[in-house]
Amino acid sequence: MPNTLINPLKKQIEYVKRIHTDDLNHGYGIASAPTALYRKYQGALKLCGWQYIFPSKHRCTHPYDGYICRHHLHVSAFSKHLHRAAKLSQIDKRVTAHTFRHSFATRLLENGTDIRTVQELLGHTDIRTTA
């Protein structure tokens, strides 16, 4: 992990701890988990270590087990923030998360990374998808 991300990640974890403490104080705080994990680790799921690093703003009812939990940030929330950031940066082109994949691959190739390595990093099975 780049050193420049360590402090922001620590701040995010502190933010999650505050949200989790608030949830616990209101009688909630169980992490959203698959049914088998919920049954096996029900008590442990109230520990902060089980909470998502990027939690949803709102609590929800677990779709299978019916308890109140806080799920992870929805993908649409990321897209909204990305579009807002692009607009604030005065980028007039369409920007999506996929844009970052292309940029990442391009920079790797420009810096001499072997195309097979780039293919593996992107999870492509066919080299034609990468090239």
N, C-alpha and C. Protein backbone atom coordinates (compact mmCIF):
# COMPACT_ATOMS: atom_id res chain seq x y z
N MET A 1 0.85 -1.18 0.00
CA MET A 1 0.00 0.00 0.00
C MET A 1 0.89 1.24 0.00
N PRO A 2 0.57 2.20 -0.84
CA PRO A 2 1.38 3.42 -0.86
C PRO A 2 1.29 4.16 0.48
N ASN A 3 2.40 4.74 0.89
CA ASN A 3 2.43 5.49 2.15
C ASN A 3 1.41 6.62 2.19
N THR A 4 1.10 7.18 1.03
CA THR A 4 0.15 8.30 0.97
C THR A 4 -1.27 7.87 1.33
N LEU A 5 -1.54 6.57 1.31
CA LEU A 5 -2.89 6.08 1.63
C LEU A 5 -3.04 5.63 3.09
N ILE A 6 -1.95 5.52 3.80
CA ILE A 6 -2.01 4.98 5.17
C ILE A 6 -2.83 5.89 6.09
N ASN A 7 -2.53 7.19 6.12
CA ASN A 7 -3.28 8.10 7.00
C ASN A 7 -4.75 8.23 6.61
N PRO A 8 -5.08 8.37 5.31
CA PRO A 8 -6.50 8.41 4.96
C PRO A 8 -7.24 7.13 5.36
N LEU A 9 -6.58 5.97 5.24
CA LEU A 9 -7.21 4.72 5.64
C LEU A 9 -7.42 4.68 7.15
N LYS A 10 -6.44 5.16 7.89
CA LYS A 10 -6.59 5.22 9.36
C LYS A 10 -7.76 6.12 9.75
N LYS A 11 -7.90 7.25 9.06
CA LYS A 11 -9.03 8.15 9.32
C LYS A 11 -10.35 7.48 8.99
N GLN A 12 -10.40 6.72 7.91
CA GLN A 12 -11.61 6.02 7.52
C GLN A 12 -11.98 4.97 8.56
N ILE A 13 -11.00 4.27 9.08
CA ILE A 13 -11.25 3.26 10.11
C ILE A 13 -11.78 3.92 11.38
N GLU A 14 -11.24 5.06 11.75
CA GLU A 14 -11.75 5.79 12.91
C GLU A 14 -13.19 6.22 12.69
N TYR A 15 -13.51 6.66 11.48
CA TYR A 15 -14.87 7.03 11.12
C TYR A 15 -15.81 5.82 11.28
N VAL A 16 -15.38 4.66 10.79
CA VAL A 16 -16.17 3.44 10.91
C VAL A 16 -16.38 3.08 12.38
N LYS A 17 -15.35 3.26 13.20
CA LYS A 17 -15.48 2.96 14.64
C LYS A 17 -16.54 3.86 15.28
N ARG A 18 -16.58 5.14 14.89
CA ARG A 18 -17.58 6.06 15.45
C ARG A 18 -19.00 5.64 15.02
N ILE A 19 -19.16 5.31 13.75
CA ILE A 19 -20.47 4.86 13.26
C ILE A 19 -20.88 3.58 13.99
N HIS A 20 -19.95 2.66 14.13
CA HIS A 20 -20.24 1.38 14.78
C HIS A 20 -20.64 1.58 16.24
N THR A 21 -19.92 2.45 16.93
CA THR A 21 -20.26 2.75 18.33
C THR A 21 -21.67 3.34 18.42
N ASP A 22 -22.00 4.24 17.52
CA ASP A 22 -23.34 4.82 17.48
C ASP A 22 -24.39 3.74 17.22
N ASP A 23 -24.11 2.84 16.27
CA ASP A 23 -25.04 1.75 15.99
C ASP A 23 -25.24 0.88 17.23
N LEU A 24 -24.15 0.54 17.91
CA LEU A 24 -24.25 -0.28 19.13
C LEU A 24 -25.07 0.43 20.20
N ASN A 25 -24.86 1.74 20.36
CA ASN A 25 -25.61 2.51 21.35
C ASN A 25 -27.11 2.55 21.06
N HIS A 26 -27.47 2.34 19.78
CA HIS A 26 -28.87 2.33 19.40
C HIS A 26 -29.44 0.91 19.27
N GLY A 27 -28.67 -0.08 19.73
CA GLY A 27 -29.15 -1.46 19.73
C GLY A 27 -28.91 -2.23 18.45
N TYR A 28 -28.02 -1.71 17.59
CA TYR A 28 -27.73 -2.39 16.33
C TYR A 28 -26.26 -2.78 16.32
N GLY A 29 -25.60 -2.70 15.18
CA GLY A 29 -24.16 -2.93 15.12
C GLY A 29 -23.73 -4.30 14.65
N ILE A 30 -24.68 -5.15 14.24
CA ILE A 30 -24.31 -6.46 13.71
C ILE A 30 -23.91 -6.27 12.24
N ALA A 31 -22.78 -6.85 11.86
CA ALA A 31 -22.32 -6.74 10.47
C ALA A 31 -23.21 -7.55 9.55
N SER A 32 -23.40 -7.05 8.35
CA SER A 32 -24.13 -7.79 7.33
C SER A 32 -23.25 -8.96 6.89
N ALA A 33 -23.79 -10.17 6.96
CA ALA A 33 -23.01 -11.36 6.64
C ALA A 33 -23.91 -12.43 6.05
N PRO A 34 -23.33 -13.37 5.31
CA PRO A 34 -24.12 -14.50 4.82
C PRO A 34 -24.73 -15.28 5.99
N THR A 35 -25.86 -15.93 5.75
CA THR A 35 -26.61 -16.62 6.81
C THR A 35 -25.74 -17.57 7.63
N ALA A 36 -24.91 -18.38 6.97
CA ALA A 36 -24.08 -19.35 7.70
C ALA A 36 -23.13 -18.65 8.67
N LEU A 37 -22.52 -17.54 8.23
CA LEU A 37 -21.63 -16.79 9.13
C LEU A 37 -22.42 -16.15 10.26
N TYR A 38 -23.61 -15.65 9.96
CA TYR A 38 -24.45 -15.04 10.98
C TYR A 38 -24.78 -16.05 12.07
N ARG A 39 -25.13 -17.26 11.68
CA ARG A 39 -25.46 -18.30 12.67
C ARG A 39 -24.24 -18.71 13.48
N LYS A 40 -23.09 -18.83 12.80
CA LYS A 40 -21.88 -19.32 13.47
C LYS A 40 -21.22 -18.26 14.35
N TYR A 41 -21.21 -17.01 13.88
CA TYR A 41 -20.48 -15.96 14.57
C TYR A 41 -21.36 -14.81 15.03
N GLN A 42 -22.59 -15.09 15.37
CA GLN A 42 -23.55 -14.03 15.70
C GLN A 42 -23.00 -13.02 16.71
N GLY A 43 -22.38 -13.50 17.77
CA GLY A 43 -21.83 -12.59 18.78
C GLY A 43 -20.64 -11.81 18.24
N ALA A 44 -19.80 -12.45 17.47
CA ALA A 44 -18.60 -11.80 16.94
C ALA A 44 -18.94 -10.74 15.91
N LEU A 45 -20.08 -10.88 15.24
CA LEU A 45 -20.45 -9.92 14.20
C LEU A 45 -20.74 -8.54 14.74
N LYS A 46 -20.78 -8.40 16.07
CA LYS A 46 -20.95 -7.07 16.66
C LYS A 46 -19.61 -6.38 16.90
N LEU A 47 -18.52 -7.10 16.68
CA LEU A 47 -17.19 -6.51 16.86
C LEU A 47 -16.87 -5.59 15.70
N CYS A 48 -16.11 -4.56 15.97
CA CYS A 48 -15.78 -3.55 14.95
C CYS A 48 -15.01 -4.15 13.78
N GLY A 49 -14.20 -5.15 14.02
CA GLY A 49 -13.41 -5.77 12.97
C GLY A 49 -14.23 -6.41 11.86
N TRP A 50 -15.50 -6.68 12.12
CA TRP A 50 -16.37 -7.28 11.11
C TRP A 50 -17.08 -6.22 10.27
N GLN A 51 -16.96 -4.96 10.63
CA GLN A 51 -17.68 -3.91 9.91
C GLN A 51 -16.97 -3.58 8.60
N TYR A 52 -17.73 -3.09 7.65
CA TYR A 52 -17.18 -2.69 6.36
C TYR A 52 -16.35 -1.41 6.52
N ILE A 53 -15.26 -1.32 5.77
CA ILE A 53 -14.42 -0.12 5.79
C ILE A 53 -15.16 1.06 5.15
N PHE A 54 -15.99 0.77 4.17
CA PHE A 54 -16.78 1.81 3.51
C PHE A 54 -18.26 1.46 3.67
N PRO A 55 -18.82 1.80 4.84
CA PRO A 55 -20.20 1.41 5.14
C PRO A 55 -21.23 2.31 4.47
N SER A 56 -22.42 1.77 4.34
CA SER A 56 -23.56 2.54 3.84
C SER A 56 -23.91 3.63 4.85
N LYS A 57 -24.52 4.71 4.37
CA LYS A 57 -24.97 5.77 5.28
C LYS A 57 -26.14 5.30 6.14
N HIS A 58 -26.90 4.34 5.64
CA HIS A 58 -28.14 3.95 6.31
C HIS A 58 -28.12 2.47 6.71
N ARG A 59 -28.78 2.17 7.81
CA ARG A 59 -28.97 0.79 8.21
C ARG A 59 -30.06 0.18 7.33
N CYS A 60 -30.03 -1.14 7.22
CA CYS A 60 -31.07 -1.83 6.45
C CYS A 60 -31.43 -3.14 7.13
N THR A 61 -32.50 -3.76 6.68
CA THR A 61 -32.89 -5.07 7.18
C THR A 61 -32.20 -6.13 6.34
N HIS A 62 -31.52 -7.06 7.00
CA HIS A 62 -30.83 -8.12 6.27
C HIS A 62 -31.87 -8.91 5.48
N PRO A 63 -31.65 -9.13 4.17
CA PRO A 63 -32.69 -9.73 3.33
C PRO A 63 -33.07 -11.17 3.69
N TYR A 64 -32.19 -11.93 4.32
CA TYR A 64 -32.50 -13.32 4.63
C TYR A 64 -32.77 -13.57 6.10
N ASP A 65 -32.03 -12.87 6.97
CA ASP A 65 -32.13 -13.15 8.40
C ASP A 65 -32.93 -12.13 9.18
N GLY A 66 -33.26 -11.00 8.57
CA GLY A 66 -34.17 -10.04 9.18
C GLY A 66 -33.61 -9.11 10.23
N TYR A 67 -32.34 -9.20 10.57
CA TYR A 67 -31.78 -8.29 11.56
C TYR A 67 -31.41 -6.97 10.90
N ILE A 68 -31.27 -5.93 11.72
CA ILE A 68 -30.89 -4.61 11.22
C ILE A 68 -29.37 -4.54 11.17
N CYS A 69 -28.84 -4.14 10.03
CA CYS A 69 -27.38 -4.10 9.86
C CYS A 69 -27.01 -2.89 9.00
N ARG A 70 -25.73 -2.70 8.84
CA ARG A 70 -25.23 -1.65 7.95
C ARG A 70 -24.37 -2.35 6.91
N HIS A 71 -24.82 -2.31 5.66
CA HIS A 71 -24.12 -2.99 4.58
C HIS A 71 -23.01 -2.08 4.05
N HIS A 72 -22.29 -2.54 3.06
CA HIS A 72 -21.23 -1.72 2.47
C HIS A 72 -21.82 -0.66 1.54
N LEU A 73 -21.02 0.30 1.21
CA LEU A 73 -21.40 1.36 0.29
C LEU A 73 -21.84 0.75 -1.03
N HIS A 74 -22.96 1.20 -1.54
CA HIS A 74 -23.48 0.67 -2.80
C HIS A 74 -22.64 1.20 -3.96
N VAL A 75 -22.51 0.38 -5.02
CA VAL A 75 -21.70 0.76 -6.17
C VAL A 75 -22.20 2.06 -6.80
N SER A 76 -23.49 2.31 -6.73
CA SER A 76 -24.01 3.55 -7.32
C SER A 76 -23.51 4.78 -6.57
N ALA A 77 -23.26 4.65 -5.27
CA ALA A 77 -22.73 5.77 -4.49
C ALA A 77 -21.32 6.11 -4.98
N PHE A 78 -20.52 5.09 -5.27
CA PHE A 78 -19.18 5.34 -5.79
C PHE A 78 -19.27 6.07 -7.13
N SER A 79 -20.16 5.59 -8.00
CA SER A 79 -20.32 6.22 -9.32
C SER A 79 -20.73 7.68 -9.20
N LYS A 80 -21.65 7.97 -8.28
CA LYS A 80 -22.09 9.36 -8.08
C LYS A 80 -20.93 10.25 -7.64
N HIS A 81 -20.12 9.75 -6.70
CA HIS A 81 -18.98 10.53 -6.22
C HIS A 81 -17.93 10.71 -7.32
N LEU A 82 -17.73 9.67 -8.12
CA LEU A 82 -16.77 9.75 -9.20
C LEU A 82 -17.21 10.79 -10.24
N HIS A 83 -18.49 10.78 -10.60
CA HIS A 83 -18.99 11.76 -11.57
C HIS A 83 -18.89 13.18 -11.01
N ARG A 84 -19.18 13.34 -9.72
CA ARG A 84 -19.08 14.65 -9.08
C ARG A 84 -17.63 15.14 -9.09
N ALA A 85 -16.70 14.23 -8.78
CA ALA A 85 -15.27 14.60 -8.77
C ALA A 85 -14.80 14.98 -10.17
N ALA A 86 -15.25 14.26 -11.17
CA ALA A 86 -14.86 14.58 -12.55
C ALA A 86 -15.40 15.95 -12.94
N LYS A 87 -16.62 16.23 -12.55
CA LYS A 87 -17.22 17.53 -12.86
C LYS A 87 -16.47 18.66 -12.16
N LEU A 88 -16.16 18.46 -10.86
CA LEU A 88 -15.42 19.47 -10.11
C LEU A 88 -14.02 19.69 -10.69
N SER A 89 -13.46 18.64 -11.27
CA SER A 89 -12.13 18.72 -11.88
C SER A 89 -12.19 19.27 -13.29
N GLN A 90 -13.40 19.59 -13.73
CA GLN A 90 -13.64 20.13 -15.07
C GLN A 90 -13.18 19.18 -16.17
N ILE A 91 -13.40 17.90 -15.92
CA ILE A 91 -13.12 16.88 -16.94
C ILE A 91 -14.41 16.72 -17.76
N ASP A 92 -14.32 17.03 -19.02
CA ASP A 92 -15.51 17.02 -19.87
C ASP A 92 -15.82 15.66 -20.48
N LYS A 93 -14.94 14.70 -20.30
CA LYS A 93 -15.16 13.37 -20.86
C LYS A 93 -15.90 12.49 -19.85
N ARG A 94 -16.49 11.41 -20.37
CA ARG A 94 -17.18 10.45 -19.51
C ARG A 94 -16.13 9.70 -18.68
N VAL A 95 -16.33 9.66 -17.37
CA VAL A 95 -15.40 8.98 -16.47
C VAL A 95 -16.16 7.90 -15.72
N THR A 96 -15.64 6.67 -15.78
CA THR A 96 -16.23 5.55 -15.04
C THR A 96 -15.10 4.82 -14.32
N ALA A 97 -15.46 3.88 -13.49
CA ALA A 97 -14.44 3.08 -12.81
C ALA A 97 -13.60 2.33 -13.85
N HIS A 98 -14.22 1.94 -14.95
CA HIS A 98 -13.50 1.23 -16.00
C HIS A 98 -12.41 2.11 -16.62
N THR A 99 -12.62 3.42 -16.60
CA THR A 99 -11.62 4.37 -17.11
C THR A 99 -10.29 4.16 -16.36
N PHE A 100 -10.38 3.89 -15.06
CA PHE A 100 -9.17 3.70 -14.26
C PHE A 100 -8.44 2.42 -14.66
N ARG A 101 -9.19 1.38 -15.04
CA ARG A 101 -8.56 0.14 -15.51
C ARG A 101 -7.73 0.41 -16.76
N HIS A 102 -8.32 1.17 -17.70
CA HIS A 102 -7.60 1.49 -18.93
C HIS A 102 -6.37 2.33 -18.64
N SER A 103 -6.52 3.32 -17.78
CA SER A 103 -5.40 4.19 -17.44
C SER A 103 -4.29 3.39 -16.75
N PHE A 104 -4.67 2.51 -15.84
CA PHE A 104 -3.72 1.66 -15.12
C PHE A 104 -2.94 0.80 -16.10
N ALA A 105 -3.67 0.13 -17.00
CA ALA A 105 -3.03 -0.75 -17.98
C ALA A 105 -2.09 0.03 -18.90
N THR A 106 -2.55 1.19 -19.34
CA THR A 106 -1.74 2.02 -20.24
C THR A 106 -0.44 2.43 -19.57
N ARG A 107 -0.52 2.88 -18.31
CA ARG A 107 0.69 3.32 -17.60
C ARG A 107 1.66 2.15 -17.40
N LEU A 108 1.11 0.97 -17.08
CA LEU A 108 1.99 -0.20 -16.92
C LEU A 108 2.73 -0.50 -18.21
N LEU A 109 2.01 -0.49 -19.32
CA LEU A 109 2.64 -0.78 -20.61
C LEU A 109 3.65 0.29 -20.99
N GLU A 110 3.32 1.55 -20.73
CA GLU A 110 4.26 2.64 -21.02
C GLU A 110 5.54 2.54 -20.21
N ASN A 111 5.42 1.98 -19.02
CA ASN A 111 6.60 1.84 -18.14
C ASN A 111 7.33 0.52 -18.33
N GLY A 112 6.94 -0.22 -19.39
CA GLY A 112 7.71 -1.43 -19.74
C GLY A 112 7.21 -2.73 -19.13
N THR A 113 6.07 -2.74 -18.52
CA THR A 113 5.54 -3.99 -17.95
C THR A 113 5.15 -4.92 -19.10
N ASP A 114 5.48 -6.18 -18.95
CA ASP A 114 5.15 -7.19 -19.96
C ASP A 114 3.63 -7.30 -20.11
N ILE A 115 3.15 -7.42 -21.35
CA ILE A 115 1.71 -7.44 -21.60
C ILE A 115 1.03 -8.64 -20.93
N ARG A 116 1.74 -9.74 -20.79
CA ARG A 116 1.17 -10.93 -20.10
C ARG A 116 0.92 -10.62 -18.62
N THR A 117 1.80 -9.85 -18.02
CA THR A 117 1.62 -9.43 -16.63
C THR A 117 0.40 -8.54 -16.50
N VAL A 118 0.26 -7.60 -17.43
CA VAL A 118 -0.90 -6.71 -17.43
C VAL A 118 -2.18 -7.53 -17.61
N GLN A 119 -2.13 -8.50 -18.51
CA GLN A 119 -3.28 -9.38 -18.74
C GLN A 119 -3.68 -10.07 -17.45
N GLU A 120 -2.71 -10.58 -16.72
CA GLU A 120 -2.99 -11.28 -15.47
C GLU A 120 -3.56 -10.33 -14.41
N LEU A 121 -2.96 -9.14 -14.29
CA LEU A 121 -3.43 -8.16 -13.31
C LEU A 121 -4.87 -7.73 -13.57
N LEU A 122 -5.26 -7.62 -14.85
CA LEU A 122 -6.61 -7.20 -15.20
C LEU A 122 -7.61 -8.36 -15.18
N GLY A 123 -7.08 -9.58 -15.05
CA GLY A 123 -7.97 -10.74 -15.01
C GLY A 123 -8.51 -11.14 -16.37
N HIS A 124 -7.78 -10.79 -17.43
CA HIS A 124 -8.21 -11.13 -18.78
C HIS A 124 -7.72 -12.54 -19.13
N THR A 125 -8.59 -13.34 -19.75
CA THR A 125 -8.18 -14.67 -20.18
C THR A 125 -7.62 -14.66 -21.60
N ASP A 126 -8.02 -13.67 -22.38
CA ASP A 126 -7.59 -13.56 -23.77
C ASP A 126 -6.73 -12.31 -23.94
N ILE A 127 -5.55 -12.49 -24.52
CA ILE A 127 -4.62 -11.37 -24.69
C ILE A 127 -5.22 -10.29 -25.58
N ARG A 128 -6.16 -10.63 -26.49
CA ARG A 128 -6.77 -9.65 -27.37
C ARG A 128 -7.62 -8.64 -26.57
N THR A 129 -8.12 -9.06 -25.42
CA THR A 129 -8.90 -8.15 -24.56
C THR A 129 -7.97 -7.11 -23.94
N THR A 130 -6.74 -7.49 -23.68
CA THR A 130 -5.77 -6.61 -23.01
C THR A 130 -5.12 -5.65 -23.99
N ALA A 131 -4.78 -6.14 -25.18
CA ALA A 131 -4.00 -5.35 -26.14
C ALA A 131 -4.77 -4.20 -26.72
